[in-house]
Amino acid sequence: MKFERKLVYGFGINDSEKPTQYMVNGKRIKCPIYVMWSNMYKRCYSESYLKTHKSYVGCYVSDEWKYFTRFREWVIQQDWEGKNLDKDILKADNKEYGPDACVFVPSYVNTALGIRKLYNNGLPVGVSVDTASGKYVSGISINGKRKSLGYFECRTNAHKAWQIAKAAQIEAIALRYSEEKTYNPKVLEALTLKVLALRQDLKENRETVTL
């Protein structure tokens, strides 16, 4: 019996001859690799998602992963279980989801590399304005919690405080990752380069806009 191809978010094709979801004790269970593939398309092509996640605007899925089975074949060759699919670690500001750019990493690595810039506030990453005092506030996210790095008279010094803290954070993450039994040398190298880039930006009084 020929399977029916279904478009996912208008682009992806689920060409699997095997079911990607099934019932167990009355509960619907979805294939975790299919969920990962579908979420990848959501981040790139869902209009409602992109309205609230502007950092994904312009992202796309490579032709190699247009078909679900090709993506699944790639995934099962990786150390993927319990890890996150990331497209930015090996190549900063990368917009493509594809086998040459993506890699699986532990969630603590993925989270540490995330930088949130308040869109339209016109300030560097990690910087906001305290409306009560009018001073610039520097802050960094650690383990999902916001940590204040202090108040500053100028935005430049506030951003520098963030650069120092972010470099130290990623350096600690790299050390922790290096102790993983199945760590990926390419990921470890990328983390080291990001630390060096942050410190170089700091040394040259340059704003860090991406990791």
Protein backbone atom coordinates (compact mmCIF):
# COMPACT_ATOMS: atom_id res chain seq x y z
CA MET A 1 0.00 0.00 0.00
CA LYS A 2 1.44 3.33 -1.04
CA PHE A 3 1.90 5.83 1.77
CA GLU A 4 0.46 9.33 1.63
CA ARG A 5 2.90 12.18 1.63
CA LYS A 6 1.90 15.05 3.88
CA LEU A 7 3.29 18.56 3.85
CA VAL A 8 4.49 19.85 7.19
CA TYR A 9 4.16 23.62 7.56
CA GLY A 10 3.83 23.80 3.80
CA PHE A 11 7.33 22.49 3.06
CA GLY A 12 8.35 19.26 4.76
CA ILE A 13 7.29 15.88 3.43
CA ASN A 14 6.54 13.02 5.78
CA ASP A 15 7.49 10.12 3.51
CA SER A 16 7.77 7.49 6.23
CA GLU A 17 6.13 4.17 5.46
CA LYS A 18 6.03 3.52 9.20
CA PRO A 19 3.61 5.37 11.50
CA THR A 20 5.15 8.37 13.25
CA GLN A 21 2.66 8.08 16.10
CA TYR A 22 0.83 5.26 17.84
CA MET A 23 -1.37 4.51 20.83
CA VAL A 24 -0.07 2.93 24.05
CA ASN A 25 -2.53 2.31 26.89
CA GLY A 26 -4.85 4.92 25.47
CA LYS A 27 -2.11 7.53 25.11
CA ARG A 28 -0.87 8.89 21.81
CA ILE A 29 2.90 8.51 21.48
CA LYS A 30 4.83 10.35 18.76
CA CYS A 31 8.17 9.35 17.31
CA PRO A 32 10.70 11.69 19.00
CA ILE A 33 12.66 12.10 15.78
CA TYR A 34 9.51 13.08 13.93
CA VAL A 35 8.67 15.61 16.65
CA MET A 36 12.17 17.06 16.29
CA TRP A 37 11.80 17.27 12.51
CA SER A 38 8.35 18.84 12.72
CA ASN A 39 9.49 21.39 15.31
CA MET A 40 12.37 22.34 13.03
CA TYR A 41 9.87 23.22 10.30
CA LYS A 42 7.72 25.07 12.81
CA ARG A 43 10.61 27.31 13.80
CA CYS A 44 11.33 28.13 10.17
CA TYR A 45 7.92 28.35 8.52
CA SER A 46 5.14 28.87 11.08
CA GLU A 47 3.95 32.47 10.76
CA SER A 48 2.47 32.50 14.26
CA TYR A 49 5.69 31.12 15.76
CA LEU A 50 7.89 33.63 13.94
CA LYS A 51 5.82 36.53 15.24
CA THR A 52 6.97 35.76 18.77
CA HIS A 53 10.39 34.25 18.00
CA LYS A 54 12.01 36.83 15.75
CA SER A 55 15.48 35.31 15.98
CA TYR A 56 14.25 32.53 13.67
CA VAL A 57 13.10 34.87 10.90
CA GLY A 58 14.99 33.91 7.74
CA CYS A 59 15.83 30.40 8.90
CA TYR A 60 15.20 27.51 6.52
CA VAL A 61 15.56 23.75 6.19
CA SER A 62 18.02 22.36 3.65
CA ASP A 63 16.87 20.23 0.73
CA GLU A 64 18.61 17.23 2.33
CA TRP A 65 16.10 17.36 5.17
CA LYS A 66 12.98 18.12 3.15
CA TYR A 67 11.99 14.46 3.50
CA PHE A 68 11.53 13.08 6.99
CA THR A 69 13.25 9.75 6.25
CA ARG A 70 16.47 11.49 5.22
CA PHE A 71 16.47 13.47 8.44
CA ARG A 72 15.80 10.30 10.43
CA GLU A 73 18.69 8.47 8.75
CA TRP A 74 21.04 11.28 9.73
CA VAL A 75 19.78 11.45 13.33
CA ILE A 76 20.16 7.74 14.10
CA GLN A 77 23.83 7.99 13.15
CA GLN A 78 24.35 10.70 15.79
CA ASP A 79 24.59 10.68 19.58
CA TRP A 80 21.19 12.33 19.83
CA GLU A 81 19.09 10.88 22.64
CA GLY A 82 18.44 13.35 25.44
CA LYS A 83 20.17 16.15 23.53
CA ASN A 84 19.16 19.25 21.59
CA LEU A 85 19.56 19.85 17.87
CA ASP A 86 21.52 23.08 17.41
CA LYS A 87 22.31 25.00 14.23
CA ASP A 88 24.41 27.88 15.60
CA ILE A 89 27.26 26.36 17.59
CA LEU A 90 29.48 25.30 14.69
CA LYS A 91 28.62 28.36 12.61
CA ALA A 92 27.61 31.62 14.28
CA ASP A 93 24.37 33.22 13.12
CA ASN A 94 23.67 30.27 10.83
CA LYS A 95 20.21 30.24 9.24
CA GLU A 96 20.18 26.76 7.72
CA TYR A 97 19.04 23.54 9.31
CA GLY A 98 21.08 20.88 7.55
CA PRO A 99 23.56 18.04 8.13
CA ASP A 100 26.63 20.21 7.55
CA ALA A 101 25.74 22.83 10.16
CA CYS A 102 23.70 21.07 12.82
CA VAL A 103 24.92 19.08 15.79
CA PHE A 104 23.43 17.56 18.94
CA VAL A 105 24.47 19.04 22.28
CA PRO A 106 23.35 18.74 25.92
CA SER A 107 20.66 21.23 26.92
CA TYR A 108 23.03 23.10 29.26
CA VAL A 109 25.29 23.90 26.30
CA ASN A 110 22.42 24.99 24.10
CA THR A 111 20.94 27.20 26.83
CA ALA A 112 24.23 28.91 27.68
CA LEU A 113 24.78 30.01 24.09
CA GLY A 114 21.40 31.64 23.78
CA ILE A 115 21.52 35.43 23.79
CA ARG A 116 18.39 37.49 23.93
CA LYS A 117 18.33 40.97 22.51
CA LEU A 118 15.28 43.05 23.24
CA TYR A 119 14.08 43.91 19.77
CA ASN A 120 13.59 47.61 19.03
CA ASN A 121 15.21 48.79 22.28
CA GLY A 122 18.34 49.84 20.40
CA LEU A 123 20.67 48.56 23.11
CA PRO A 124 23.47 45.97 23.05
CA VAL A 125 22.88 42.38 24.14
CA GLY A 126 22.49 42.04 27.90
CA VAL A 127 21.64 45.71 28.41
CA SER A 128 18.41 47.42 29.42
CA VAL A 129 17.43 50.69 31.08
CA ASP A 130 16.18 51.05 34.63
CA THR A 131 13.29 53.48 34.30
CA ALA A 132 13.50 54.59 37.94
CA SER A 133 17.16 55.66 37.92
CA GLY A 134 17.70 56.11 34.20
CA LYS A 135 20.84 54.01 34.43
CA TYR A 136 21.82 51.11 32.21
CA VAL A 137 21.41 47.65 33.67
CA SER A 138 23.58 44.70 32.67
CA GLY A 139 22.28 41.17 33.15
CA ILE A 140 22.91 37.59 32.11
CA SER A 141 20.82 34.43 32.16
CA ILE A 142 22.30 31.55 34.17
CA ASN A 143 20.44 28.27 34.45
CA GLY A 144 17.27 29.98 33.29
CA LYS A 145 17.46 32.73 35.91
CA ARG A 146 18.34 36.35 35.29
CA LYS A 147 21.38 37.61 37.21
CA SER A 148 22.04 41.31 37.51
CA LEU A 149 25.59 42.44 36.76
CA GLY A 150 25.11 45.97 38.04
CA TYR A 151 24.03 49.47 37.06
CA PHE A 152 26.11 51.67 34.75
CA GLU A 153 26.17 55.27 33.58
CA CYS A 154 26.83 54.26 29.97
CA ARG A 155 25.59 51.44 27.76
CA THR A 156 29.12 50.54 26.67
CA ASN A 157 30.28 49.62 30.17
CA ALA A 158 27.05 47.73 30.80
CA HIS A 159 27.66 45.66 27.69
CA LYS A 160 31.27 45.06 28.67
CA ALA A 161 30.12 43.62 31.97
CA TRP A 162 27.90 41.23 30.01
CA GLN A 163 30.79 40.25 27.70
CA ILE A 164 33.02 39.41 30.67
CA ALA A 165 30.31 37.36 32.35
CA LYS A 166 29.29 35.57 29.15
CA ALA A 167 32.86 34.59 28.32
CA ALA A 168 33.32 33.17 31.82
CA GLN A 169 30.02 31.31 31.59
CA ILE A 170 30.84 29.67 28.25
CA GLU A 171 34.35 28.83 29.45
CA ALA A 172 32.86 26.97 32.41
CA ILE A 173 30.39 25.22 30.12
CA ALA A 174 33.23 24.15 27.82
CA LEU A 175 35.09 22.64 30.75
CA ARG A 176 32.01 20.74 31.87
CA TYR A 177 31.34 19.56 28.31
CA SER A 178 34.93 18.34 27.89
CA GLU A 179 34.30 15.91 30.73
CA GLU A 180 31.39 14.26 28.88
CA LYS A 181 32.28 10.73 27.76
CA THR A 182 30.84 11.32 24.29
CA TYR A 183 31.76 14.96 23.77
CA ASN A 184 32.12 16.19 20.19
CA PRO A 185 35.57 17.75 19.53
CA LYS A 186 34.03 20.14 16.99
CA VAL A 187 31.60 21.46 19.58
CA LEU A 188 34.35 21.89 22.17
CA GLU A 189 36.46 23.80 19.64
CA ALA A 190 33.48 26.00 18.77
CA LEU A 191 32.88 26.82 22.42
CA THR A 192 36.53 27.78 22.88
CA LEU A 193 36.40 30.04 19.82
CA LYS A 194 33.30 31.78 21.14
CA VAL A 195 35.09 32.59 24.39
CA LEU A 196 38.04 33.99 22.44
CA ALA A 197 35.72 36.04 20.21
CA LEU A 198 33.95 37.57 23.21
CA ARG A 199 37.23 38.55 24.83
CA GLN A 200 38.53 39.97 21.57
CA ASP A 201 35.38 42.08 21.21
CA LEU A 202 35.94 43.30 24.75
CA LYS A 203 39.60 44.13 24.10
CA GLU A 204 38.79 46.07 20.93
CA ASN A 205 35.77 47.86 22.43
CA ARG A 206 33.54 46.14 19.92
CA GLU A 207 29.89 45.24 20.52
CA THR A 208 29.08 41.52 20.47
CA VAL A 209 26.02 40.97 18.30
CA THR A 210 26.02 37.21 17.93
CA LEU A 211 27.59 34.04 19.29
